[in-house]
Amino acid sequence: MTQTQQIVEELYDFYTKTAVNIITYYDANEREEKLKELRDIVENNCSQLKKLQSAESIQRRILDLYEDDDTEHNIASIIEEYNRAISEISTNVSKDKKLIEFDKHVEILLDKAPCEDDDEDVELQLSGGYLNVIDPISKKRIVDPVKNTKCGHTYDRESITGMLKINNKTRCPVMGCKSTDFVTLSQLRSDIVMKAYLEKNPE
């Protein structure tokens, strides 16, 4: 993970932590308003990040295009093409992965806790997906959840670090995971949504 990717991940972790605090400490009416404000911030950040990434891609493409030419005589053409490409950048982030993930996190955090009589603890059915609170390695309830940023699966920190100590060429242990990358400690991040759920719903 590059330094830029690390910063982006930390920023979105901050947004999720803020959502957790809003849901925990605000009443229903004010909560809805604050979550809307937070989502607007996340959406704007996704838009700005998309613009930045597109601008960097355009810059590389244009520089490669004019690499073998006499750059001094093509300055005007380079600037004109760059400005045209920048103006055509789409800022529609409705399908942005980070925005969709944020919405899903909020949906999970807002979902009502299951009844005490409900022992379907393995896969808690939620609107928008499920939250698996059972560690795929130890087959026990997760205590300290960490998410694999490559595939999105969550493990118990102690279980996955123990597995990596035994074999550092380990792929995601979740059955059916499509990721072929080896799991590394650097790609494991605290799963804020899972942690908030586990704290709100202890055994």
C-alpha atoms as a PDB file:
ATOM      1  CA  MET A   1       0.000   0.000   0.000  1.00  0.00           C
ATOM      2  CA  THR A   2       1.422   3.375  -1.042  1.00  0.00           C
ATOM      3  CA  GLN A   3       1.552   6.359   1.305  1.00  0.00           C
ATOM      4  CA  THR A   4      -1.267   8.046  -0.641  1.00  0.00           C
ATOM      5  CA  GLN A   5      -3.460   4.936  -0.381  1.00  0.00           C
ATOM      6  CA  GLN A   6      -2.695   4.768   3.342  1.00  0.00           C
ATOM      7  CA  ILE A   7      -3.812   8.393   3.792  1.00  0.00           C
ATOM      8  CA  VAL A   8      -7.017   7.758   1.830  1.00  0.00           C
ATOM      9  CA  GLU A   9      -7.827   4.653   3.925  1.00  0.00           C
ATOM     10  CA  GLU A  10      -7.217   6.598   7.157  1.00  0.00           C
ATOM     11  CA  LEU A  11      -9.470   9.415   5.940  1.00  0.00           C
ATOM     12  CA  TYR A  12     -12.367   7.050   5.221  1.00  0.00           C
ATOM     13  CA  ASP A  13     -11.784   5.304   8.559  1.00  0.00           C
ATOM     14  CA  PHE A  14     -12.230   8.736  10.142  1.00  0.00           C
ATOM     15  CA  TYR A  15     -15.528   9.218   8.303  1.00  0.00           C
ATOM     16  CA  THR A  16     -16.771   5.839   9.544  1.00  0.00           C
ATOM     17  CA  LYS A  17     -15.709   6.614  13.138  1.00  0.00           C
ATOM     18  CA  THR A  18     -17.580   9.919  12.886  1.00  0.00           C
ATOM     19  CA  ALA A  19     -20.693   8.063  11.684  1.00  0.00           C
ATOM     20  CA  VAL A  20     -20.400   5.701  14.681  1.00  0.00           C
ATOM     21  CA  ASN A  21     -20.232   8.682  17.069  1.00  0.00           C
ATOM     22  CA  ILE A  22     -23.205  10.424  15.414  1.00  0.00           C
ATOM     23  CA  ILE A  23     -25.330   7.263  15.663  1.00  0.00           C
ATOM     24  CA  THR A  24     -24.252   6.695  19.272  1.00  0.00           C
ATOM     25  CA  TYR A  25     -24.657  10.196  20.709  1.00  0.00           C
ATOM     26  CA  TYR A  26     -27.385  11.978  18.697  1.00  0.00           C
ATOM     27  CA  ASP A  27     -31.144  11.464  18.917  1.00  0.00           C
ATOM     28  CA  ALA A  28     -33.075  10.260  15.858  1.00  0.00           C
ATOM     29  CA  ASN A  29     -33.975  13.642  14.317  1.00  0.00           C
ATOM     30  CA  GLU A  30     -30.590  15.272  14.758  1.00  0.00           C
ATOM     31  CA  ARG A  31     -28.837  12.030  13.827  1.00  0.00           C
ATOM     32  CA  GLU A  32     -30.446  11.992  10.377  1.00  0.00           C
ATOM     33  CA  GLU A  33     -29.381  15.597   9.729  1.00  0.00           C
ATOM     34  CA  LYS A  34     -25.790  15.030  10.896  1.00  0.00           C
ATOM     35  CA  LEU A  35     -25.448  11.830   8.854  1.00  0.00           C
ATOM     36  CA  LYS A  36     -26.689  13.719   5.777  1.00  0.00           C
ATOM     37  CA  GLU A  37     -24.054  16.420   6.362  1.00  0.00           C
ATOM     38  CA  LEU A  38     -21.368  13.766   6.792  1.00  0.00           C
ATOM     39  CA  ARG A  39     -22.431  11.952   3.623  1.00  0.00           C
ATOM     40  CA  ASP A  40     -22.240  15.237   1.684  1.00  0.00           C
ATOM     41  CA  ILE A  41     -18.649  15.621   2.928  1.00  0.00           C
ATOM     42  CA  VAL A  42     -17.794  12.043   1.920  1.00  0.00           C
ATOM     43  CA  GLU A  43     -19.409  12.522  -1.503  1.00  0.00           C
ATOM     44  CA  ASN A  44     -17.491  15.762  -2.060  1.00  0.00           C
ATOM     45  CA  ASN A  45     -14.255  14.080  -1.025  1.00  0.00           C
ATOM     46  CA  CYS A  46     -14.921  11.212  -3.474  1.00  0.00           C
ATOM     47  CA  SER A  47     -15.504  13.793  -6.210  1.00  0.00           C
ATOM     48  CA  GLN A  48     -12.286  15.683  -5.435  1.00  0.00           C
ATOM     49  CA  LEU A  49     -10.287  12.458  -5.256  1.00  0.00           C
ATOM     50  CA  LYS A  50     -11.723  11.348  -8.600  1.00  0.00           C
ATOM     51  CA  LYS A  51     -10.751  14.693 -10.164  1.00  0.00           C
ATOM     52  CA  LEU A  52      -7.227  14.440  -8.755  1.00  0.00           C
ATOM     53  CA  GLN A  53      -6.745  10.864  -9.969  1.00  0.00           C
ATOM     54  CA  SER A  54      -8.118  11.761 -13.406  1.00  0.00           C
ATOM     55  CA  ALA A  55      -5.869  14.830 -13.640  1.00  0.00           C
ATOM     56  CA  GLU A  56      -2.798  12.735 -12.787  1.00  0.00           C
ATOM     57  CA  SER A  57      -3.790  10.154 -15.405  1.00  0.00           C
ATOM     58  CA  ILE A  58      -4.321  12.871 -18.045  1.00  0.00           C
ATOM     59  CA  GLN A  59      -0.975  14.430 -17.210  1.00  0.00           C
ATOM     60  CA  ARG A  60       0.865  11.126 -17.636  1.00  0.00           C
ATOM     61  CA  ARG A  61      -0.951  10.369 -20.891  1.00  0.00           C
ATOM     62  CA  ILE A  62      -0.205  13.761 -22.430  1.00  0.00           C
ATOM     63  CA  LEU A  63       3.428  13.750 -21.335  1.00  0.00           C
ATOM     64  CA  ASP A  64       3.862  10.282 -22.853  1.00  0.00           C
ATOM     65  CA  LEU A  65       2.179  11.491 -26.039  1.00  0.00           C
ATOM     66  CA  TYR A  66       4.576  14.401 -26.478  1.00  0.00           C
ATOM     67  CA  GLU A  67       7.663  12.688 -25.049  1.00  0.00           C
ATOM     68  CA  ASP A  68       9.420  12.277 -28.416  1.00  0.00           C
ATOM     69  CA  ASP A  69       8.378  15.688 -29.760  1.00  0.00           C
ATOM     70  CA  ASP A  70      10.059  19.035 -29.396  1.00  0.00           C
ATOM     71  CA  THR A  71       8.264  20.028 -26.196  1.00  0.00           C
ATOM     72  CA  GLU A  72       9.313  23.667 -26.467  1.00  0.00           C
ATOM     73  CA  HIS A  73       7.333  24.066 -29.705  1.00  0.00           C
ATOM     74  CA  ASN A  74       4.334  22.130 -28.399  1.00  0.00           C
ATOM     75  CA  ILE A  75       3.680  23.933 -25.114  1.00  0.00           C
ATOM     76  CA  ALA A  76       0.488  25.557 -26.431  1.00  0.00           C
ATOM     77  CA  SER A  77      -0.817  22.235 -27.786  1.00  0.00           C
ATOM     78  CA  ILE A  78      -0.034  20.435 -24.516  1.00  0.00           C
ATOM     79  CA  ILE A  79      -1.790  23.090 -22.410  1.00  0.00           C
ATOM     80  CA  GLU A  80      -4.801  23.152 -24.736  1.00  0.00           C
ATOM     81  CA  GLU A  81      -5.203  19.379 -24.701  1.00  0.00           C
ATOM     82  CA  TYR A  82      -4.668  19.213 -20.937  1.00  0.00           C
ATOM     83  CA  ASN A  83      -7.310  21.902 -20.253  1.00  0.00           C
ATOM     84  CA  ARG A  84      -9.781  20.217 -22.618  1.00  0.00           C
ATOM     85  CA  ALA A  85      -9.283  16.824 -20.955  1.00  0.00           C
ATOM     86  CA  ILE A  86      -9.619  18.358 -17.459  1.00  0.00           C
ATOM     87  CA  SER A  87     -12.892  20.066 -18.419  1.00  0.00           C
ATOM     88  CA  GLU A  88     -14.311  16.713 -19.530  1.00  0.00           C
ATOM     89  CA  ILE A  89     -13.662  14.914 -16.232  1.00  0.00           C
ATOM     90  CA  SER A  90     -16.885  13.365 -14.932  1.00  0.00           C
ATOM     91  CA  THR A  91     -17.625  14.155 -11.286  1.00  0.00           C
ATOM     92  CA  ASN A  92     -20.469  11.651 -10.963  1.00  0.00           C
ATOM     93  CA  VAL A  93     -19.548   9.525  -7.939  1.00  0.00           C
ATOM     94  CA  SER A  94     -22.857   7.668  -7.518  1.00  0.00           C
ATOM     95  CA  LYS A  95     -21.027   4.399  -8.253  1.00  0.00           C
ATOM     96  CA  ASP A  96     -17.838   5.308  -6.394  1.00  0.00           C
ATOM     97  CA  LYS A  97     -16.618   2.315  -4.384  1.00  0.00           C
ATOM     98  CA  LYS A  98     -15.781   4.371  -1.288  1.00  0.00           C
ATOM     99  CA  LEU A  99     -19.135   6.171  -1.260  1.00  0.00           C
ATOM    100  CA  ILE A 100     -21.048   2.901  -1.679  1.00  0.00           C
ATOM    101  CA  GLU A 101     -18.970   1.365   1.118  1.00  0.00           C
ATOM    102  CA  PHE A 102     -19.686   4.341   3.403  1.00  0.00           C
ATOM    103  CA  ASP A 103     -23.443   4.065   2.724  1.00  0.00           C
ATOM    104  CA  LYS A 104     -23.320   0.338   3.489  1.00  0.00           C
ATOM    105  CA  HIS A 105     -21.452   0.984   6.750  1.00  0.00           C
ATOM    106  CA  VAL A 106     -24.042   3.531   7.884  1.00  0.00           C
ATOM    107  CA  GLU A 107     -26.853   1.156   6.922  1.00  0.00           C
ATOM    108  CA  ILE A 108     -25.297  -1.599   9.017  1.00  0.00           C
ATOM    109  CA  LEU A 109     -24.678   0.720  11.973  1.00  0.00           C
ATOM    110  CA  LEU A 110     -28.293   1.948  11.900  1.00  0.00           C
ATOM    111  CA  ASP A 111     -29.752  -1.538  11.707  1.00  0.00           C
ATOM    112  CA  LYS A 112     -31.586  -2.699  14.813  1.00  0.00           C
ATOM    113  CA  ALA A 113     -29.820  -5.221  17.003  1.00  0.00           C
ATOM    114  CA  PRO A 114     -31.287  -8.753  16.818  1.00  0.00           C
ATOM    115  CA  CYS A 115     -33.603 -10.002  19.562  1.00  0.00           C
ATOM    116  CA  GLU A 116     -31.993 -11.693  22.542  1.00  0.00           C
ATOM    117  CA  ASP A 117     -33.759 -14.949  21.615  1.00  0.00           C
ATOM    118  CA  ASP A 118     -32.219 -14.868  18.131  1.00  0.00           C
ATOM    119  CA  ASP A 119     -29.196 -17.151  18.095  1.00  0.00           C
ATOM    120  CA  GLU A 120     -28.374 -16.570  14.421  1.00  0.00           C
ATOM    121  CA  ASP A 121     -25.086 -15.060  15.483  1.00  0.00           C
ATOM    122  CA  VAL A 122     -22.985 -16.476  12.673  1.00  0.00           C
ATOM    123  CA  GLU A 123     -24.513 -14.417   9.908  1.00  0.00           C
ATOM    124  CA  LEU A 124     -26.661 -11.560  11.104  1.00  0.00           C
ATOM    125  CA  GLN A 125     -28.973 -10.674   8.249  1.00  0.00           C
ATOM    126  CA  LEU A 126     -28.918  -6.961   7.628  1.00  0.00           C
ATOM    127  CA  SER A 127     -30.557  -4.802   4.989  1.00  0.00           C
ATOM    128  CA  GLY A 128     -27.787  -4.452   2.442  1.00  0.00           C
ATOM    129  CA  GLY A 129     -25.805  -7.552   3.287  1.00  0.00           C
ATOM    130  CA  TYR A 130     -24.669  -9.547   6.299  1.00  0.00           C
ATOM    131  CA  LEU A 131     -22.199  -9.055   9.078  1.00  0.00           C
ATOM    132  CA  ASN A 132     -20.309 -12.238   9.841  1.00  0.00           C
ATOM    133  CA  VAL A 133     -19.183 -12.075  13.468  1.00  0.00           C
ATOM    134  CA  ILE A 134     -17.496 -15.487  13.401  1.00  0.00           C
ATOM    135  CA  ASP A 135     -13.775 -15.586  12.667  1.00  0.00           C
ATOM    136  CA  PRO A 136     -13.118 -17.806   9.598  1.00  0.00           C
ATOM    137  CA  ILE A 137      -9.917 -19.145  11.180  1.00  0.00           C
ATOM    138  CA  SER A 138     -10.786 -19.961  14.803  1.00  0.00           C
ATOM    139  CA  LYS A 139     -14.542 -20.398  14.125  1.00  0.00           C
ATOM    140  CA  LYS A 140     -15.172 -18.349  17.279  1.00  0.00           C
ATOM    141  CA  ARG A 141     -16.809 -14.955  17.754  1.00  0.00           C
ATOM    142  CA  ILE A 142     -14.460 -12.179  16.665  1.00  0.00           C
ATOM    143  CA  VAL A 143     -12.975 -10.094  19.484  1.00  0.00           C
ATOM    144  CA  ASP A 144     -10.628  -7.660  17.711  1.00  0.00           C
ATOM    145  CA  PRO A 145     -11.818  -7.332  14.084  1.00  0.00           C
ATOM    146  CA  VAL A 146      -9.435  -6.415  11.268  1.00  0.00           C
ATOM    147  CA  LYS A 147     -10.443  -6.038   7.619  1.00  0.00           C
ATOM    148  CA  ASN A 148      -8.395  -7.188   4.648  1.00  0.00           C
ATOM    149  CA  THR A 149      -8.318  -4.102   2.403  1.00  0.00           C
ATOM    150  CA  LYS A 150      -7.660  -6.272  -0.654  1.00  0.00           C
ATOM    151  CA  CYS A 151     -10.845  -8.364  -0.494  1.00  0.00           C
ATOM    152  CA  GLY A 152     -12.919  -6.779   2.290  1.00  0.00           C
ATOM    153  CA  HIS A 153     -13.109  -9.875   4.523  1.00  0.00           C
ATOM    154  CA  THR A 154     -12.780  -9.562   8.290  1.00  0.00           C
ATOM    155  CA  TYR A 155     -10.812 -11.752  10.710  1.00  0.00           C
ATOM    156  CA  ASP A 156      -9.895 -11.706  14.377  1.00  0.00           C
ATOM    157  CA  ARG A 157      -6.540  -9.945  14.724  1.00  0.00           C
ATOM    158  CA  GLU A 158      -5.024 -12.643  16.938  1.00  0.00           C
ATOM    159  CA  SER A 159      -6.066 -15.441  14.558  1.00  0.00           C
ATOM    160  CA  ILE A 160      -4.771 -13.882  11.344  1.00  0.00           C
ATOM    161  CA  THR A 161      -1.481 -12.662  12.849  1.00  0.00           C
ATOM    162  CA  GLY A 162      -0.925 -16.131  14.331  1.00  0.00           C
ATOM    163  CA  MET A 163      -1.583 -17.713  10.939  1.00  0.00           C
ATOM    164  CA  LEU A 164       0.830 -15.330   9.193  1.00  0.00           C
ATOM    165  CA  LYS A 165       3.562 -16.149  11.720  1.00  0.00           C
ATOM    166  CA  ILE A 166       3.238 -19.810  10.767  1.00  0.00           C
ATOM    167  CA  ASN A 167       2.981 -19.178   7.017  1.00  0.00           C
ATOM    168  CA  ASN A 168       3.538 -15.745   5.478  1.00  0.00           C
ATOM    169  CA  LYS A 169       2.326 -17.067   2.099  1.00  0.00           C
ATOM    170  CA  THR A 170      -1.275 -17.212   3.265  1.00  0.00           C
ATOM    171  CA  ARG A 171      -4.228 -16.174   1.112  1.00  0.00           C
ATOM    172  CA  CYS A 172      -7.580 -15.015   2.494  1.00  0.00           C
ATOM    173  CA  PRO A 173      -8.985 -17.934   4.537  1.00  0.00           C
ATOM    174  CA  VAL A 174     -12.613 -17.104   3.726  1.00  0.00           C
ATOM    175  CA  MET A 175     -14.090 -19.858   1.563  1.00  0.00           C
ATOM    176  CA  GLY A 176     -14.883 -18.611  -1.921  1.00  0.00           C
ATOM    177  CA  CYS A 177     -12.757 -15.451  -1.687  1.00  0.00           C
ATOM    178  CA  LYS A 178     -11.681 -14.431  -5.179  1.00  0.00           C
ATOM    179  CA  SER A 179      -8.531 -12.594  -4.073  1.00  0.00           C
ATOM    180  CA  THR A 180      -5.334 -14.390  -5.074  1.00  0.00           C
ATOM    181  CA  ASP A 181      -3.066 -11.981  -3.146  1.00  0.00           C
ATOM    182  CA  PHE A 182      -1.194 -13.169  -0.090  1.00  0.00           C
ATOM    183  CA  VAL A 183      -2.415 -11.549   3.138  1.00  0.00           C
ATOM    184  CA  THR A 184       0.063  -9.086   4.655  1.00  0.00           C
ATOM    185  CA  LEU A 185      -0.089  -7.206   7.946  1.00  0.00           C
ATOM    186  CA  SER A 186       0.158  -3.887   6.075  1.00  0.00           C
ATOM    187  CA  GLN A 187      -3.191  -4.490   4.330  1.00  0.00           C
ATOM    188  CA  LEU A 188      -5.062  -5.270   7.563  1.00  0.00           C
ATOM    189  CA  ARG A 189      -7.011  -2.378   9.077  1.00  0.00           C
ATOM    190  CA  SER A 190      -9.271  -2.211  12.095  1.00  0.00           C
ATOM    191  CA  ASP A 191     -12.867  -2.966  11.061  1.00  0.00           C
ATOM    192  CA  ILE A 192     -14.635  -0.006  12.662  1.00  0.00           C
ATOM    193  CA  VAL A 193     -18.166  -1.106  11.734  1.00  0.00           C
ATOM    194  CA  MET A 194     -17.683  -4.629  13.085  1.00  0.00           C
ATOM    195  CA  LYS A 195     -16.035  -3.291  16.232  1.00  0.00           C
ATOM    196  CA  ALA A 196     -18.946  -0.913  16.887  1.00  0.00           C
ATOM    197  CA  TYR A 197     -21.460  -3.725  16.360  1.00  0.00           C
ATOM    198  CA  LEU A 198     -19.615  -6.126  18.683  1.00  0.00           C
ATOM    199  CA  GLU A 199     -19.392  -3.478  21.417  1.00  0.00           C
ATOM    200  CA  LYS A 200     -23.108  -2.715  21.093  1.00  0.00           C
ATOM    201  CA  ASN A 201     -24.031  -6.403  21.041  1.00  0.00           C
ATOM    202  CA  PRO A 202     -21.758  -8.320  23.440  1.00  0.00           C
ATOM    203  CA  GLU A 203     -22.137 -12.059  23.877  1.00  0.00           C
END
